[in-house]
Amino acid sequence: MELLFRQDAYLKDCTATVTAVDNEGIRLDRTVFYPMGGGQPGDKGQLILADGRCIEITDTLKDQAPDSVRHIAESQPELQPGMQVTARIDWPRRHRLMRMHTCLHLLCSLIKGDVTGGQVSDGKGRLDFNLPETVLDKEQLTRDLNALIAGDHPVQPRWISDEELAEKPELVRTMSVKPPSGQGKVRLLDIVGVDLQPCGGTHVARTGEIGRVEISKIENKGKMNRRVNIALLDA
């Protein structure tokens, strides 16, 4: 399967051919739908048939096979392998997820602690940090985060080999989820001059596109764990 979102996160639709349909979902030969993973939800949207009928896609999940995606339909579709469809994502929702995902990388650059968990949501998100005996200032973090956003830093994906990543373990900030390896290369997200770490998600092209945000809450989730919640102000 050709995962077009890896090449261009701004693609809103594509033509595709149905390759399989079963109780686990719809598989296509190519897709713009991002499957749930790395804390980012799967895309929603539609598959549009040649006769104009629309199949609502309520979720997108990874398949067992590498680089394979299951499109989860609202109801069992009348599809057969070989049929042509237009795959169209819910772009406003995806764009909000992209903005928040990039914002969480900026937050990660401001807090010097291992990430123990996180979640990208529509219009909001959170990161959990391993921060023993650390007090975080919500207002200062909000100011620092918006300053990074206003800096309009370029955001660029790039790839390194498994061997290069093994030689630079400091690039991996997440304790609970390790980047996939064994495929020969690993995708990095480079917020130029700010943050560099493995990530397979979809992101905006520049930090200025995120818009203004606020740290809505900081919670203690145990002796060492601090949860930082963020919201887009225009969501």
C-alpha atoms as a PDB file:
ATOM      1  CA  MET A   1       0.000   0.000   0.000  1.00  0.00           C
ATOM      2  CA  GLU A   2       1.213   3.483  -0.886  1.00  0.00           C
ATOM      3  CA  LEU A   3       0.961   5.743   2.184  1.00  0.00           C
ATOM      4  CA  LEU A   4       0.597   9.154   0.563  1.00  0.00           C
ATOM      5  CA  PHE A   5       0.421  11.057   3.874  1.00  0.00           C
ATOM      6  CA  ARG A   6       4.090  10.214   4.413  1.00  0.00           C
ATOM      7  CA  GLN A   7       4.997  12.107   1.259  1.00  0.00           C
ATOM      8  CA  ASP A   8       2.597  15.024   1.716  1.00  0.00           C
ATOM      9  CA  ALA A   9       0.582  15.574   4.914  1.00  0.00           C
ATOM     10  CA  TYR A  10      -1.487  18.228   3.120  1.00  0.00           C
ATOM     11  CA  LEU A  11      -3.081  15.847   0.611  1.00  0.00           C
ATOM     12  CA  LYS A  12      -6.824  15.862   1.240  1.00  0.00           C
ATOM     13  CA  ASP A  13      -7.886  13.130  -1.194  1.00  0.00           C
ATOM     14  CA  CYS A  14      -6.654  10.600  -3.717  1.00  0.00           C
ATOM     15  CA  THR A  15      -8.009   8.070  -6.184  1.00  0.00           C
ATOM     16  CA  ALA A  16      -7.494   4.461  -5.131  1.00  0.00           C
ATOM     17  CA  THR A  17      -8.397   0.876  -5.956  1.00  0.00           C
ATOM     18  CA  VAL A  18     -10.074  -1.414  -3.422  1.00  0.00           C
ATOM     19  CA  THR A  19      -7.844  -4.428  -2.739  1.00  0.00           C
ATOM     20  CA  ALA A  20      -9.821  -6.188   0.025  1.00  0.00           C
ATOM     21  CA  VAL A  21     -13.029  -5.857   2.059  1.00  0.00           C
ATOM     22  CA  ASP A  22     -13.836  -7.864   5.180  1.00  0.00           C
ATOM     23  CA  ASN A  23     -15.120  -7.472   8.733  1.00  0.00           C
ATOM     24  CA  GLU A  24     -11.841  -5.822   9.768  1.00  0.00           C
ATOM     25  CA  GLY A  25     -12.146  -2.982   7.275  1.00  0.00           C
ATOM     26  CA  ILE A  26     -11.453  -1.773   3.757  1.00  0.00           C
ATOM     27  CA  ARG A  27      -7.991  -1.951   2.231  1.00  0.00           C
ATOM     28  CA  LEU A  28      -6.851   0.174  -0.694  1.00  0.00           C
ATOM     29  CA  ASP A  29      -3.774   0.199  -2.904  1.00  0.00           C
ATOM     30  CA  ARG A  30      -3.014   3.785  -1.759  1.00  0.00           C
ATOM     31  CA  THR A  31      -4.415   6.147   0.846  1.00  0.00           C
ATOM     32  CA  VAL A  32      -4.263   9.624   2.359  1.00  0.00           C
ATOM     33  CA  PHE A  33      -5.799   8.327   5.620  1.00  0.00           C
ATOM     34  CA  TYR A  34      -3.395   8.277   8.574  1.00  0.00           C
ATOM     35  CA  PRO A  35      -3.878   5.193  10.803  1.00  0.00           C
ATOM     36  CA  MET A  36      -3.952   5.554  14.593  1.00  0.00           C
ATOM     37  CA  GLY A  37      -0.462   5.394  16.044  1.00  0.00           C
ATOM     38  CA  GLY A  38       2.162   7.322  17.996  1.00  0.00           C
ATOM     39  CA  GLY A  39      -0.532   9.014  20.082  1.00  0.00           C
ATOM     40  CA  GLN A  40      -2.278  10.438  16.997  1.00  0.00           C
ATOM     41  CA  PRO A  41      -5.844   9.290  16.190  1.00  0.00           C
ATOM     42  CA  GLY A  42      -6.697   7.710  12.881  1.00  0.00           C
ATOM     43  CA  ASP A  43      -8.301   9.870  10.220  1.00  0.00           C
ATOM     44  CA  LYS A  44     -12.014  10.045   9.504  1.00  0.00           C
ATOM     45  CA  GLY A  45     -13.561  10.878   6.154  1.00  0.00           C
ATOM     46  CA  GLN A  46     -15.247   9.298   3.162  1.00  0.00           C
ATOM     47  CA  LEU A  47     -14.734   6.842   0.348  1.00  0.00           C
ATOM     48  CA  ILE A  48     -16.638   8.136  -2.678  1.00  0.00           C
ATOM     49  CA  LEU A  49     -17.724   5.590  -5.286  1.00  0.00           C
ATOM     50  CA  ALA A  50     -17.850   6.216  -9.037  1.00  0.00           C
ATOM     51  CA  ASP A  51     -21.654   6.596  -8.889  1.00  0.00           C
ATOM     52  CA  GLY A  52     -21.386   9.296  -6.209  1.00  0.00           C
ATOM     53  CA  ARG A  53     -22.341   7.184  -3.197  1.00  0.00           C
ATOM     54  CA  CYS A  54     -20.339   7.921  -0.043  1.00  0.00           C
ATOM     55  CA  ILE A  55     -19.072   5.480   2.554  1.00  0.00           C
ATOM     56  CA  GLU A  56     -18.363   7.157   5.888  1.00  0.00           C
ATOM     57  CA  ILE A  57     -15.014   6.166   7.394  1.00  0.00           C
ATOM     58  CA  THR A  58     -15.135   6.508  11.176  1.00  0.00           C
ATOM     59  CA  ASP A  59     -11.585   5.395  11.988  1.00  0.00           C
ATOM     60  CA  THR A  60      -8.347   4.264  10.384  1.00  0.00           C
ATOM     61  CA  LEU A  61      -6.143   1.578  11.908  1.00  0.00           C
ATOM     62  CA  LYS A  62      -2.861  -0.126  11.139  1.00  0.00           C
ATOM     63  CA  ASP A  63      -3.082  -3.604   9.675  1.00  0.00           C
ATOM     64  CA  GLN A  64      -0.912  -6.545  10.682  1.00  0.00           C
ATOM     65  CA  ALA A  65       1.107  -6.317   7.464  1.00  0.00           C
ATOM     66  CA  PRO A  66       3.720  -3.530   7.328  1.00  0.00           C
ATOM     67  CA  ASP A  67       2.530  -0.323   5.617  1.00  0.00           C
ATOM     68  CA  SER A  68      -1.037  -1.616   5.407  1.00  0.00           C
ATOM     69  CA  VAL A  69      -4.072   0.350   6.594  1.00  0.00           C
ATOM     70  CA  ARG A  70      -7.644  -0.637   7.462  1.00  0.00           C
ATOM     71  CA  HIS A  71     -10.374   1.926   6.781  1.00  0.00           C
ATOM     72  CA  ILE A  72     -13.238   1.307   9.230  1.00  0.00           C
ATOM     73  CA  ALA A  73     -16.665   1.977   7.703  1.00  0.00           C
ATOM     74  CA  GLU A  74     -19.763   3.208   9.516  1.00  0.00           C
ATOM     75  CA  SER A  75     -21.727   0.383   7.848  1.00  0.00           C
ATOM     76  CA  GLN A  76     -20.743  -2.654   5.793  1.00  0.00           C
ATOM     77  CA  PRO A  77     -20.103  -1.218   2.319  1.00  0.00           C
ATOM     78  CA  GLU A  78     -21.076  -2.692  -1.018  1.00  0.00           C
ATOM     79  CA  LEU A  79     -17.524  -2.850  -2.260  1.00  0.00           C
ATOM     80  CA  GLN A  80     -15.579  -5.376  -4.262  1.00  0.00           C
ATOM     81  CA  PRO A  81     -11.840  -5.645  -4.945  1.00  0.00           C
ATOM     82  CA  GLY A  82     -10.954  -3.789  -8.113  1.00  0.00           C
ATOM     83  CA  MET A  83     -13.488  -0.988  -7.633  1.00  0.00           C
ATOM     84  CA  GLN A  84     -12.240   2.590  -7.956  1.00  0.00           C
ATOM     85  CA  VAL A  85     -12.912   5.100  -5.173  1.00  0.00           C
ATOM     86  CA  THR A  86     -11.899   8.582  -4.111  1.00  0.00           C
ATOM     87  CA  ALA A  87     -10.521   8.590  -0.568  1.00  0.00           C
ATOM     88  CA  ARG A  88     -11.177  11.945   1.128  1.00  0.00           C
ATOM     89  CA  ILE A  89     -10.193  12.781   4.694  1.00  0.00           C
ATOM     90  CA  ASP A  90     -11.999  15.114   7.098  1.00  0.00           C
ATOM     91  CA  TRP A  91      -9.421  17.826   6.457  1.00  0.00           C
ATOM     92  CA  PRO A  92     -10.368  20.400   9.141  1.00  0.00           C
ATOM     93  CA  ARG A  93     -10.084  17.665  11.800  1.00  0.00           C
ATOM     94  CA  ARG A  94      -6.794  16.353  10.380  1.00  0.00           C
ATOM     95  CA  HIS A  95      -5.342  19.851  10.251  1.00  0.00           C
ATOM     96  CA  ARG A  96      -6.181  20.432  13.920  1.00  0.00           C
ATOM     97  CA  LEU A  97      -4.480  17.115  14.761  1.00  0.00           C
ATOM     98  CA  MET A  98      -1.408  18.140  12.750  1.00  0.00           C
ATOM     99  CA  ARG A  99      -1.210  21.485  14.534  1.00  0.00           C
ATOM    100  CA  MET A 100      -1.499  19.846  17.955  1.00  0.00           C
ATOM    101  CA  HIS A 101       0.989  17.065  17.166  1.00  0.00           C
ATOM    102  CA  THR A 102       3.629  19.609  16.138  1.00  0.00           C
ATOM    103  CA  CYS A 103       2.792  21.672  19.235  1.00  0.00           C
ATOM    104  CA  LEU A 104       3.488  18.676  21.478  1.00  0.00           C
ATOM    105  CA  HIS A 105       6.955  18.366  19.921  1.00  0.00           C
ATOM    106  CA  LEU A 106       7.566  22.012  20.825  1.00  0.00           C
ATOM    107  CA  LEU A 107       6.439  21.320  24.393  1.00  0.00           C
ATOM    108  CA  CYS A 108       8.835  18.393  24.498  1.00  0.00           C
ATOM    109  CA  SER A 109      11.690  20.765  23.630  1.00  0.00           C
ATOM    110  CA  LEU A 110      10.835  23.002  26.596  1.00  0.00           C
ATOM    111  CA  ILE A 111      10.611  20.324  29.307  1.00  0.00           C
ATOM    112  CA  LYS A 112      13.757  18.340  30.028  1.00  0.00           C
ATOM    113  CA  GLY A 113      12.316  15.040  31.127  1.00  0.00           C
ATOM    114  CA  ASP A 114      11.561  11.672  29.566  1.00  0.00           C
ATOM    115  CA  VAL A 115       8.097  11.401  28.034  1.00  0.00           C
ATOM    116  CA  THR A 116       6.080   8.634  29.684  1.00  0.00           C
ATOM    117  CA  GLY A 117       2.916   9.011  27.602  1.00  0.00           C
ATOM    118  CA  GLY A 118       0.899  11.344  25.434  1.00  0.00           C
ATOM    119  CA  GLN A 119      -2.164  11.844  23.300  1.00  0.00           C
ATOM    120  CA  VAL A 120      -3.031  14.028  20.323  1.00  0.00           C
ATOM    121  CA  SER A 121      -6.734  14.958  20.276  1.00  0.00           C
ATOM    122  CA  ASP A 122      -8.936  17.238  18.212  1.00  0.00           C
ATOM    123  CA  GLY A 123      -8.087  20.719  19.431  1.00  0.00           C
ATOM    124  CA  LYS A 124      -6.185  19.556  22.491  1.00  0.00           C
ATOM    125  CA  GLY A 125      -3.412  17.230  23.593  1.00  0.00           C
ATOM    126  CA  ARG A 126      -1.251  16.151  26.490  1.00  0.00           C
ATOM    127  CA  LEU A 127       2.202  14.861  27.357  1.00  0.00           C
ATOM    128  CA  ASP A 128       3.261  13.047  30.525  1.00  0.00           C
ATOM    129  CA  PHE A 129       6.801  13.621  31.776  1.00  0.00           C
ATOM    130  CA  ASN A 130       9.017  11.837  34.256  1.00  0.00           C
ATOM    131  CA  LEU A 131       9.855  14.853  36.460  1.00  0.00           C
ATOM    132  CA  PRO A 132      10.678  13.973  40.061  1.00  0.00           C
ATOM    133  CA  GLU A 133      10.525  16.953  42.427  1.00  0.00           C
ATOM    134  CA  THR A 134       9.917  19.433  39.605  1.00  0.00           C
ATOM    135  CA  VAL A 135       7.426  22.309  39.676  1.00  0.00           C
ATOM    136  CA  LEU A 136       6.169  23.540  36.298  1.00  0.00           C
ATOM    137  CA  ASP A 137       4.918  27.099  35.803  1.00  0.00           C
ATOM    138  CA  LYS A 138       1.778  26.965  33.640  1.00  0.00           C
ATOM    139  CA  GLU A 139       1.854  30.647  32.648  1.00  0.00           C
ATOM    140  CA  GLN A 140       5.563  30.636  31.806  1.00  0.00           C
ATOM    141  CA  LEU A 141       5.220  27.456  29.758  1.00  0.00           C
ATOM    142  CA  THR A 142       2.341  29.037  27.836  1.00  0.00           C
ATOM    143  CA  ARG A 143       4.451  32.112  27.064  1.00  0.00           C
ATOM    144  CA  ASP A 144       7.476  30.042  26.018  1.00  0.00           C
ATOM    145  CA  LEU A 145       5.371  27.767  23.849  1.00  0.00           C
ATOM    146  CA  ASN A 146       3.673  30.632  22.035  1.00  0.00           C
ATOM    147  CA  ALA A 147       7.054  32.267  21.483  1.00  0.00           C
ATOM    148  CA  LEU A 148       8.302  29.117  19.727  1.00  0.00           C
ATOM    149  CA  ILE A 149       5.130  29.002  17.651  1.00  0.00           C
ATOM    150  CA  ALA A 150       5.496  32.663  16.678  1.00  0.00           C
ATOM    151  CA  GLY A 151       9.089  31.964  15.631  1.00  0.00           C
ATOM    152  CA  ASP A 152       7.607  30.200  12.578  1.00  0.00           C
ATOM    153  CA  HIS A 153      10.306  27.518  12.510  1.00  0.00           C
ATOM    154  CA  PRO A 154      10.358  25.163   9.498  1.00  0.00           C
ATOM    155  CA  VAL A 155       9.147  21.624  10.239  1.00  0.00           C
ATOM    156  CA  GLN A 156      10.780  18.962   8.074  1.00  0.00           C
ATOM    157  CA  PRO A 157      10.622  15.161   8.084  1.00  0.00           C
ATOM    158  CA  ARG A 158      13.825  13.293   7.312  1.00  0.00           C
ATOM    159  CA  TRP A 159      15.161   9.777   7.584  1.00  0.00           C
ATOM    160  CA  ILE A 160      18.124   8.127   9.261  1.00  0.00           C
ATOM    161  CA  SER A 161      19.241   4.515   9.319  1.00  0.00           C
ATOM    162  CA  ASP A 162      18.570   2.125  12.178  1.00  0.00           C
ATOM    163  CA  GLU A 163      22.305   2.156  12.900  1.00  0.00           C
ATOM    164  CA  GLU A 164      22.431   5.953  13.114  1.00  0.00           C
ATOM    165  CA  LEU A 165      19.530   5.999  15.569  1.00  0.00           C
ATOM    166  CA  ALA A 166      21.189   3.311  17.697  1.00  0.00           C
ATOM    167  CA  GLU A 167      24.251   5.552  17.912  1.00  0.00           C
ATOM    168  CA  LYS A 168      22.128   8.525  19.061  1.00  0.00           C
ATOM    169  CA  PRO A 169      19.801   7.178  21.793  1.00  0.00           C
ATOM    170  CA  GLU A 170      19.267  10.724  23.086  1.00  0.00           C
ATOM    171  CA  LEU A 171      16.971  11.363  20.103  1.00  0.00           C
ATOM    172  CA  VAL A 172      14.347   9.035  21.607  1.00  0.00           C
ATOM    173  CA  ARG A 173      12.408  10.929  24.282  1.00  0.00           C
ATOM    174  CA  THR A 174       9.507   8.519  24.790  1.00  0.00           C
ATOM    175  CA  MET A 175       9.856   5.845  27.458  1.00  0.00           C
ATOM    176  CA  SER A 176       6.614   3.978  26.678  1.00  0.00           C
ATOM    177  CA  VAL A 177       6.792   3.852  22.869  1.00  0.00           C
ATOM    178  CA  LYS A 178       9.941   3.111  20.932  1.00  0.00           C
ATOM    179  CA  PRO A 179      10.304   4.104  17.262  1.00  0.00           C
ATOM    180  CA  PRO A 180       9.891   1.234  14.806  1.00  0.00           C
ATOM    181  CA  SER A 181      13.176  -0.266  13.703  1.00  0.00           C
ATOM    182  CA  GLY A 182      14.212  -3.206  11.611  1.00  0.00           C
ATOM    183  CA  GLN A 183      13.017  -1.652   8.341  1.00  0.00           C
ATOM    184  CA  GLY A 184      16.416  -0.146   7.615  1.00  0.00           C
ATOM    185  CA  LYS A 185      15.461   3.484   8.288  1.00  0.00           C
ATOM    186  CA  VAL A 186      13.580   5.608  10.830  1.00  0.00           C
ATOM    187  CA  ARG A 187      11.616   8.796  10.169  1.00  0.00           C
ATOM    188  CA  LEU A 188      12.604  11.862  12.184  1.00  0.00           C
ATOM    189  CA  LEU A 189      10.716  15.104  12.627  1.00  0.00           C
ATOM    190  CA  ASP A 190      13.036  18.099  12.562  1.00  0.00           C
ATOM    191  CA  ILE A 191      11.691  21.397  13.906  1.00  0.00           C
ATOM    192  CA  VAL A 192      14.695  23.303  12.675  1.00  0.00           C
ATOM    193  CA  GLY A 193      16.783  24.663  15.514  1.00  0.00           C
ATOM    194  CA  VAL A 194      14.269  23.524  18.140  1.00  0.00           C
ATOM    195  CA  ASP A 195      13.602  19.779  18.300  1.00  0.00           C
ATOM    196  CA  LEU A 196      14.603  16.561  16.567  1.00  0.00           C
ATOM    197  CA  GLN A 197      13.133  13.150  17.387  1.00  0.00           C
ATOM    198  CA  PRO A 198      11.626  10.062  15.722  1.00  0.00           C
ATOM    199  CA  CYS A 199       7.987  10.461  14.665  1.00  0.00           C
ATOM    200  CA  GLY A 200       5.759   8.921  12.012  1.00  0.00           C
ATOM    201  CA  GLY A 201       2.814  11.299  12.436  1.00  0.00           C
ATOM    202  CA  THR A 202       1.502  14.135  10.280  1.00  0.00           C
ATOM    203  CA  HIS A 203       2.652  17.689  10.979  1.00  0.00           C
ATOM    204  CA  VAL A 204       2.323  21.261   9.792  1.00  0.00           C
ATOM    205  CA  ALA A 205       5.065  22.756   7.620  1.00  0.00           C
ATOM    206  CA  ARG A 206       5.932  25.660   9.947  1.00  0.00           C
ATOM    207  CA  THR A 207       5.300  26.271  13.639  1.00  0.00           C
ATOM    208  CA  GLY A 208       3.442  29.526  12.940  1.00  0.00           C
ATOM    209  CA  GLU A 209       0.624  27.465  11.450  1.00  0.00           C
ATOM    210  CA  ILE A 210      -0.195  26.065  14.909  1.00  0.00           C
ATOM    211  CA  GLY A 211      -1.721  29.315  16.117  1.00  0.00           C
ATOM    212  CA  ARG A 212      -1.950  30.449  19.716  1.00  0.00           C
ATOM    213  CA  VAL A 213      -2.278  27.831  22.438  1.00  0.00           C
ATOM    214  CA  GLU A 214      -2.540  27.660  26.197  1.00  0.00           C
ATOM    215  CA  ILE A 215      -1.401  25.231  28.854  1.00  0.00           C
ATOM    216  CA  SER A 216      -4.835  24.443  30.251  1.00  0.00           C
ATOM    217  CA  LYS A 217      -3.789  22.268  33.191  1.00  0.00           C
ATOM    218  CA  ILE A 218      -0.756  20.633  34.808  1.00  0.00           C
ATOM    219  CA  GLU A 219      -1.540  17.536  36.855  1.00  0.00           C
ATOM    220  CA  ASN A 220       0.447  15.334  39.208  1.00  0.00           C
ATOM    221  CA  LYS A 221      -0.046  11.720  38.122  1.00  0.00           C
ATOM    222  CA  GLY A 222       2.092  10.074  40.755  1.00  0.00           C
ATOM    223  CA  LYS A 223       5.282  10.937  42.612  1.00  0.00           C
ATOM    224  CA  MET A 224       7.338  11.454  39.453  1.00  0.00           C
ATOM    225  CA  ASN A 225       4.783  11.930  36.668  1.00  0.00           C
ATOM    226  CA  ARG A 226       3.567  15.353  35.507  1.00  0.00           C
ATOM    227  CA  ARG A 227       0.803  15.651  32.896  1.00  0.00           C
ATOM    228  CA  VAL A 228       0.794  18.823  30.806  1.00  0.00           C
ATOM    229  CA  ASN A 229      -2.459  19.563  28.935  1.00  0.00           C
ATOM    230  CA  ILE A 230      -2.563  21.936  25.946  1.00  0.00           C
ATOM    231  CA  ALA A 231      -5.471  23.445  23.980  1.00  0.00           C
ATOM    232  CA  LEU A 232      -5.656  25.313  20.669  1.00  0.00           C
ATOM    233  CA  LEU A 233      -7.283  28.649  21.417  1.00  0.00           C
ATOM    234  CA  ASP A 234      -9.272  28.695  18.170  1.00  0.00           C
ATOM    235  CA  ALA A 235     -10.441  25.048  18.247  1.00  0.00           C
END
